[in-house]
C-alpha atoms as a PDB file:
ATOM      1  CA  MET A   1     -29.030-100.550 182.108  1.00  0.00           C
ATOM      2  CA  LYS A   2     -27.436 -97.686 180.742  1.00  0.00           C
ATOM      3  CA  LYS A   3     -27.381 -97.827 176.985  1.00  0.00           C
ATOM      4  CA  ASN A   4     -25.276 -95.901 174.627  1.00  0.00           C
ATOM      5  CA  ILE A   5     -26.409 -93.363 172.427  1.00  0.00           C
ATOM      6  CA  SER A   6     -24.514 -91.775 169.772  1.00  0.00           C
ATOM      7  CA  ILE A   7     -25.681 -88.876 167.697  1.00  0.00           C
ATOM      8  CA  PRO A   8     -24.146 -88.339 164.050  1.00  0.00           C
ATOM      9  CA  LEU A   9     -23.246 -85.221 163.082  1.00  0.00           C
ATOM     10  CA  SER A  10     -24.371 -83.584 159.647  1.00  0.00           C
ATOM     11  CA  ASN A  11     -21.863 -82.782 156.898  1.00  0.00           C
ATOM     12  CA  THR A  12     -22.929 -79.071 158.274  1.00  0.00           C
ATOM     13  CA  GLY A  13     -21.208 -79.888 161.517  1.00  0.00           C
ATOM     14  CA  VAL A  14     -18.326 -82.297 160.112  1.00  0.00           C
ATOM     15  CA  ASP A  15     -17.425 -79.466 158.332  1.00  0.00           C
ATOM     16  CA  GLN A  16     -18.088 -76.767 161.241  1.00  0.00           C
ATOM     17  CA  TYR A  17     -15.578 -78.755 162.926  1.00  0.00           C
ATOM     18  CA  MET A  18     -12.973 -78.464 160.193  1.00  0.00           C
ATOM     19  CA  SER A  19     -13.226 -75.173 160.260  1.00  0.00           C
ATOM     20  CA  PHE A  20     -12.530 -74.730 163.603  1.00  0.00           C
ATOM     21  CA  TYR A  21      -9.882 -77.118 163.229  1.00  0.00           C
ATOM     22  CA  TYR A  22      -8.246 -75.335 160.042  1.00  0.00           C
ATOM     23  CA  THR A  23      -8.579 -72.194 161.949  1.00  0.00           C
ATOM     24  CA  ASP A  24      -6.747 -73.284 164.992  1.00  0.00           C
ATOM     25  CA  LEU A  25      -3.711 -74.691 163.280  1.00  0.00           C
ATOM     26  CA  LEU A  26      -3.519 -71.694 160.778  1.00  0.00           C
ATOM     27  CA  LEU A  27      -3.375 -69.394 164.341  1.00  0.00           C
ATOM     28  CA  GLU A  28      -0.559 -71.835 165.818  1.00  0.00           C
ATOM     29  CA  ALA A  29       1.241 -71.757 162.718  1.00  0.00           C
ATOM     30  CA  GLY A  30       1.215 -67.810 162.498  1.00  0.00           C
ATOM     31  CA  GLY A  31       2.550 -67.832 165.719  1.00  0.00           C
ATOM     32  CA  LEU A  32       5.132 -69.662 164.889  1.00  0.00           C
ATOM     33  CA  LEU A  33       5.867 -68.056 161.587  1.00  0.00           C
ATOM     34  CA  VAL A  34       6.284 -64.543 163.577  1.00  0.00           C
ATOM     35  CA  LYS A  35       8.730 -66.298 166.154  1.00  0.00           C
ATOM     36  CA  ALA A  36      10.598 -67.649 163.123  1.00  0.00           C
ATOM     37  CA  LYS A  37      13.895 -66.883 162.766  1.00  0.00           C
ATOM     38  CA  THR A  38      15.184 -68.150 159.387  1.00  0.00           C
ATOM     39  CA  GLU A  39      13.992 -69.296 155.993  1.00  0.00           C
ATOM     40  CA  THR A  40      14.564 -72.429 156.757  1.00  0.00           C
ATOM     41  CA  ASP A  41      12.707 -72.154 159.989  1.00  0.00           C
ATOM     42  CA  ILE A  42       9.478 -70.908 158.098  1.00  0.00           C
ATOM     43  CA  PHE A  43      10.002 -73.398 155.196  1.00  0.00           C
ATOM     44  CA  GLU A  44      10.016 -76.469 158.188  1.00  0.00           C
ATOM     45  CA  ILE A  45       7.031 -74.846 159.889  1.00  0.00           C
ATOM     46  CA  LEU A  46       5.249 -74.494 156.228  1.00  0.00           C
ATOM     47  CA  ILE A  47       5.805 -78.285 155.734  1.00  0.00           C
ATOM     48  CA  GLU A  48       5.001 -79.282 159.067  1.00  0.00           C
ATOM     49  CA  TYR A  49       1.650 -77.628 159.260  1.00  0.00           C
ATOM     50  CA  ALA A  50       0.484 -78.644 155.715  1.00  0.00           C
ATOM     51  CA  ASN A  51       1.562 -82.309 156.476  1.00  0.00           C
ATOM     52  CA  THR A  52      -0.489 -82.165 160.231  1.00  0.00           C
ATOM     53  CA  ALA A  53      -3.165 -80.853 158.980  1.00  0.00           C
ATOM     54  CA  LEU A  54      -4.108 -82.184 155.584  1.00  0.00           C
ATOM     55  CA  HIS A  55      -2.589 -85.802 156.247  1.00  0.00           C
ATOM     56  CA  PRO A  56      -1.446 -86.286 152.525  1.00  0.00           C
ATOM     57  CA  ASP A  57       1.244 -89.090 151.839  1.00  0.00           C
ATOM     58  CA  LEU A  58       3.440 -86.724 150.235  1.00  0.00           C
ATOM     59  CA  THR A  59       4.439 -83.237 150.979  1.00  0.00           C
ATOM     60  CA  CYS A  60       7.601 -81.309 149.693  1.00  0.00           C
ATOM     61  CA  PHE A  61       8.806 -78.098 149.446  1.00  0.00           C
ATOM     62  CA  TYR A  62      11.546 -77.380 146.311  1.00  0.00           C
ATOM     63  CA  LEU A  63      13.464 -74.059 146.543  1.00  0.00           C
ATOM     64  CA  LYS A  64      14.870 -72.443 143.573  1.00  0.00           C
ATOM     65  CA  ASP A  65      18.325 -72.852 142.839  1.00  0.00           C
ATOM     66  CA  GLU A  66      21.189 -70.028 142.989  1.00  0.00           C
ATOM     67  CA  THR A  67      21.107 -70.112 139.017  1.00  0.00           C
ATOM     68  CA  ASN A  68      17.209 -70.033 139.246  1.00  0.00           C
ATOM     69  CA  THR A  69      16.794 -72.505 136.374  1.00  0.00           C
ATOM     70  CA  ARG A  70      15.780 -75.255 138.461  1.00  0.00           C
ATOM     71  CA  LEU A  71      14.227 -76.266 142.008  1.00  0.00           C
ATOM     72  CA  LYS A  72      15.825 -78.498 144.470  1.00  0.00           C
ATOM     73  CA  ILE A  73      14.489 -80.402 146.942  1.00  0.00           C
ATOM     74  CA  ASP A  74      14.446 -78.972 150.248  1.00  0.00           C
ATOM     75  CA  LEU A  75      12.356 -80.409 152.709  1.00  0.00           C
ATOM     76  CA  LYS A  76       9.874 -83.665 152.282  1.00  0.00           C
ATOM     77  CA  ARG A  77       7.479 -85.510 154.453  1.00  0.00           C
ATOM     78  CA  GLY A  78       6.414 -89.055 153.206  1.00  0.00           C
ATOM     79  CA  PHE A  79       7.637 -92.120 151.921  1.00  0.00           C
ATOM     80  CA  PRO A  80       7.875 -92.218 148.163  1.00  0.00           C
ATOM     81  CA  LYS A  81      10.998 -91.323 146.239  1.00  0.00           C
ATOM     82  CA  VAL A  82      10.794 -87.882 144.664  1.00  0.00           C
ATOM     83  CA  PRO A  83      12.741 -86.039 141.832  1.00  0.00           C
ATOM     84  CA  GLU A  84      15.719 -84.141 143.404  1.00  0.00           C
ATOM     85  CA  ASN A  85      15.263 -81.082 140.804  1.00  0.00           C
ATOM     86  CA  ILE A  86      12.407 -79.937 138.643  1.00  0.00           C
ATOM     87  CA  HIS A  87      12.979 -77.579 136.025  1.00  0.00           C
ATOM     88  CA  GLN A  88      11.933 -73.928 136.424  1.00  0.00           C
ATOM     89  CA  LYS A  89      10.914 -73.353 133.036  1.00  0.00           C
ATOM     90  CA  THR A  90       8.153 -76.024 132.967  1.00  0.00           C
ATOM     91  CA  GLU A  91       4.353 -74.855 131.886  1.00  0.00           C
ATOM     92  CA  LEU A  92       3.665 -75.614 135.636  1.00  0.00           C
ATOM     93  CA  VAL A  93       6.289 -73.522 137.463  1.00  0.00           C
ATOM     94  CA  SER A  94       5.937 -71.090 135.657  1.00  0.00           C
ATOM     95  CA  PHE A  95       2.194 -70.741 135.708  1.00  0.00           C
ATOM     96  CA  LEU A  96       2.206 -71.105 139.445  1.00  0.00           C
ATOM     97  CA  SER A  97       4.979 -68.580 139.654  1.00  0.00           C
ATOM     98  CA  GLU A  98       3.060 -65.863 137.646  1.00  0.00           C
ATOM     99  CA  SER A  99      -0.604 -66.865 138.821  1.00  0.00           C
ATOM    100  CA  LYS A 100       0.685 -66.769 142.505  1.00  0.00           C
ATOM    101  CA  LYS A 101      -2.432 -69.673 142.513  1.00  0.00           C
ATOM    102  CA  LEU A 102      -3.032 -72.491 144.199  1.00  0.00           C
ATOM    103  CA  VAL A 103      -3.589 -75.240 140.985  1.00  0.00           C
ATOM    104  CA  CYS A 104      -5.458 -78.826 142.636  1.00  0.00           C
ATOM    105  CA  ILE A 105      -5.892 -82.168 140.272  1.00  0.00           C
ATOM    106  CA  ASN A 106      -7.583 -84.914 141.960  1.00  0.00           C
ATOM    107  CA  THR A 107      -6.893 -87.830 139.298  1.00  0.00           C
ATOM    108  CA  GLN A 108      -4.132 -88.919 137.143  1.00  0.00           C
ATOM    109  CA  LYS A 109      -6.412 -88.115 133.811  1.00  0.00           C
ATOM    110  CA  GLN A 110      -4.307 -86.244 131.556  1.00  0.00           C
ATOM    111  CA  SER A 111      -3.502 -82.489 132.475  1.00  0.00           C
ATOM    112  CA  PRO A 112      -1.084 -79.555 131.385  1.00  0.00           C
ATOM    113  CA  PHE A 113      -0.590 -79.843 135.891  1.00  0.00           C
ATOM    114  CA  GLU A 114      -0.060 -83.258 135.695  1.00  0.00           C
ATOM    115  CA  LYS A 115       3.669 -82.785 136.876  1.00  0.00           C
ATOM    116  CA  ILE A 116       1.768 -81.688 140.185  1.00  0.00           C
ATOM    117  CA  LEU A 117       1.762 -85.203 140.899  1.00  0.00           C
ATOM    118  CA  LEU A 118       5.254 -86.264 141.889  1.00  0.00           C
ATOM    119  CA  THR A 119       5.269 -90.003 141.548  1.00  0.00           C
ATOM    120  CA  SER A 120       3.267 -92.287 139.707  1.00  0.00           C
ATOM    121  CA  THR A 121       1.420 -93.491 142.584  1.00  0.00           C
ATOM    122  CA  MET A 122       0.074 -90.352 143.516  1.00  0.00           C
ATOM    123  CA  ASN A 123      -3.683 -89.801 142.447  1.00  0.00           C
ATOM    124  CA  SER A 124      -4.360 -86.106 143.850  1.00  0.00           C
ATOM    125  CA  GLY A 125      -2.080 -82.870 144.254  1.00  0.00           C
ATOM    126  CA  MET A 126      -1.812 -79.612 144.903  1.00  0.00           C
ATOM    127  CA  ALA A 127       0.874 -77.039 144.292  1.00  0.00           C
ATOM    128  CA  ILE A 128       1.745 -73.543 145.197  1.00  0.00           C
ATOM    129  CA  SER A 129       4.748 -70.945 144.763  1.00  0.00           C
ATOM    130  CA  ILE A 130       5.868 -70.151 148.228  1.00  0.00           C
ATOM    131  CA  PHE A 131       6.363 -65.968 148.544  1.00  0.00           C
ATOM    132  CA  ILE A 132       7.861 -64.521 151.467  1.00  0.00           C
ATOM    133  CA  LYS A 133       7.455 -60.606 151.691  1.00  0.00           C
ATOM    134  CA  LYS A 134       7.008 -60.571 147.828  1.00  0.00           C
ATOM    135  CA  ILE A 135       9.887 -63.107 146.875  1.00  0.00           C
ATOM    136  CA  GLU A 136       9.549 -66.333 145.575  1.00  0.00           C
ATOM    137  CA  TYR A 137      11.190 -69.099 147.121  1.00  0.00           C
ATOM    138  CA  GLY A 138       9.963 -72.024 145.811  1.00  0.00           C
ATOM    139  CA  VAL A 139       6.844 -74.278 145.351  1.00  0.00           C
ATOM    140  CA  LEU A 140       5.343 -76.378 147.911  1.00  0.00           C
ATOM    141  CA  PHE A 141       3.706 -79.835 146.758  1.00  0.00           C
ATOM    142  CA  VAL A 142       1.066 -82.130 148.188  1.00  0.00           C
ATOM    143  CA  ASN A 143       0.366 -85.603 147.205  1.00  0.00           C
ATOM    144  CA  SER A 144      -1.951 -88.210 148.072  1.00  0.00           C
ATOM    145  CA  VAL A 145      -2.640 -91.464 146.723  1.00  0.00           C
ATOM    146  CA  GLN A 146      -6.299 -91.348 146.855  1.00  0.00           C
ATOM    147  CA  PRO A 147      -8.141 -90.127 144.045  1.00  0.00           C
ATOM    148  CA  TYR A 148     -10.175 -87.023 145.028  1.00  0.00           C
ATOM    149  CA  PHE A 149      -8.763 -86.236 147.862  1.00  0.00           C
ATOM    150  CA  PHE A 150      -8.475 -82.545 148.418  1.00  0.00           C
ATOM    151  CA  LYS A 151     -11.680 -80.602 148.988  1.00  0.00           C
ATOM    152  CA  LYS A 152     -12.548 -77.320 149.394  1.00  0.00           C
ATOM    153  CA  ARG A 153     -11.627 -76.926 153.026  1.00  0.00           C
ATOM    154  CA  GLU A 154      -8.065 -78.554 152.295  1.00  0.00           C
ATOM    155  CA  ILE A 155      -7.665 -76.164 149.530  1.00  0.00           C
ATOM    156  CA  LEU A 156      -9.040 -73.186 151.633  1.00  0.00           C
ATOM    157  CA  PHE A 157      -6.427 -74.456 154.395  1.00  0.00           C
ATOM    158  CA  LEU A 158      -3.462 -74.683 151.925  1.00  0.00           C
ATOM    159  CA  GLU A 159      -4.289 -71.070 150.616  1.00  0.00           C
ATOM    160  CA  ASN A 160      -4.454 -69.669 153.943  1.00  0.00           C
ATOM    161  CA  LEU A 161      -1.520 -71.234 155.350  1.00  0.00           C
ATOM    162  CA  THR A 162       0.987 -69.935 152.614  1.00  0.00           C
ATOM    163  CA  SER A 163      -1.308 -66.112 152.668  1.00  0.00           C
ATOM    164  CA  ILE A 164       0.327 -66.148 156.018  1.00  0.00           C
ATOM    165  CA  LEU A 165       3.546 -66.222 154.487  1.00  0.00           C
ATOM    166  CA  SER A 166       3.004 -63.610 151.734  1.00  0.00           C
ATOM    167  CA  GLY A 167       1.187 -60.931 153.692  1.00  0.00           C
ATOM    168  CA  THR A 168      -1.624 -61.614 151.733  1.00  0.00           C
ATOM    169  CA  GLU A 169      -5.961 -61.433 152.165  1.00  0.00           C
ATOM    170  CA  LEU A 170      -6.656 -64.413 154.020  1.00  0.00           C
ATOM    171  CA  VAL A 171      -9.433 -66.772 152.083  1.00  0.00           C
ATOM    172  CA  ALA A 172     -12.804 -66.637 154.130  1.00  0.00           C
ATOM    173  CA  TRP A 173     -14.191 -70.169 155.143  1.00  0.00           C
ATOM    174  CA  SER A 174     -17.142 -70.561 153.660  1.00  0.00           C
END
């Protein structure tokens, strides 16, 4: 009689597997981004790969409008209704634009960045300004209903994906 033997993966094994998984997705996305013909193609690749890799409940890209006063929903993946517009002079959007850094919150506790959570049902969120060739186009939001959903590897993936767009140095997996 044959016995089924299962070997549990250690945390190190899982982390290593996820690093390979994210690296493969980054390479694939990078190849597609190089071939993209329009900005719309680029934004669609961005949102699809963020959504595919991270498995959030909501992924949205808000594009700057012509007047540079608000961000308007451009692309969305996920079920909840989100705001159509976000004022560009909010503390969050201003910080993202000036710092060029990703911001992540993992609870609904009061924070100057609570607007990252686009709906009241979301508990974790990340946001980052999207730059292509030093031109700012808008903000990518990724949300989850689960608290503490985003860990270091998810943050690194999104930072690296957006780094490919902006032409900045990739962040090492550690």
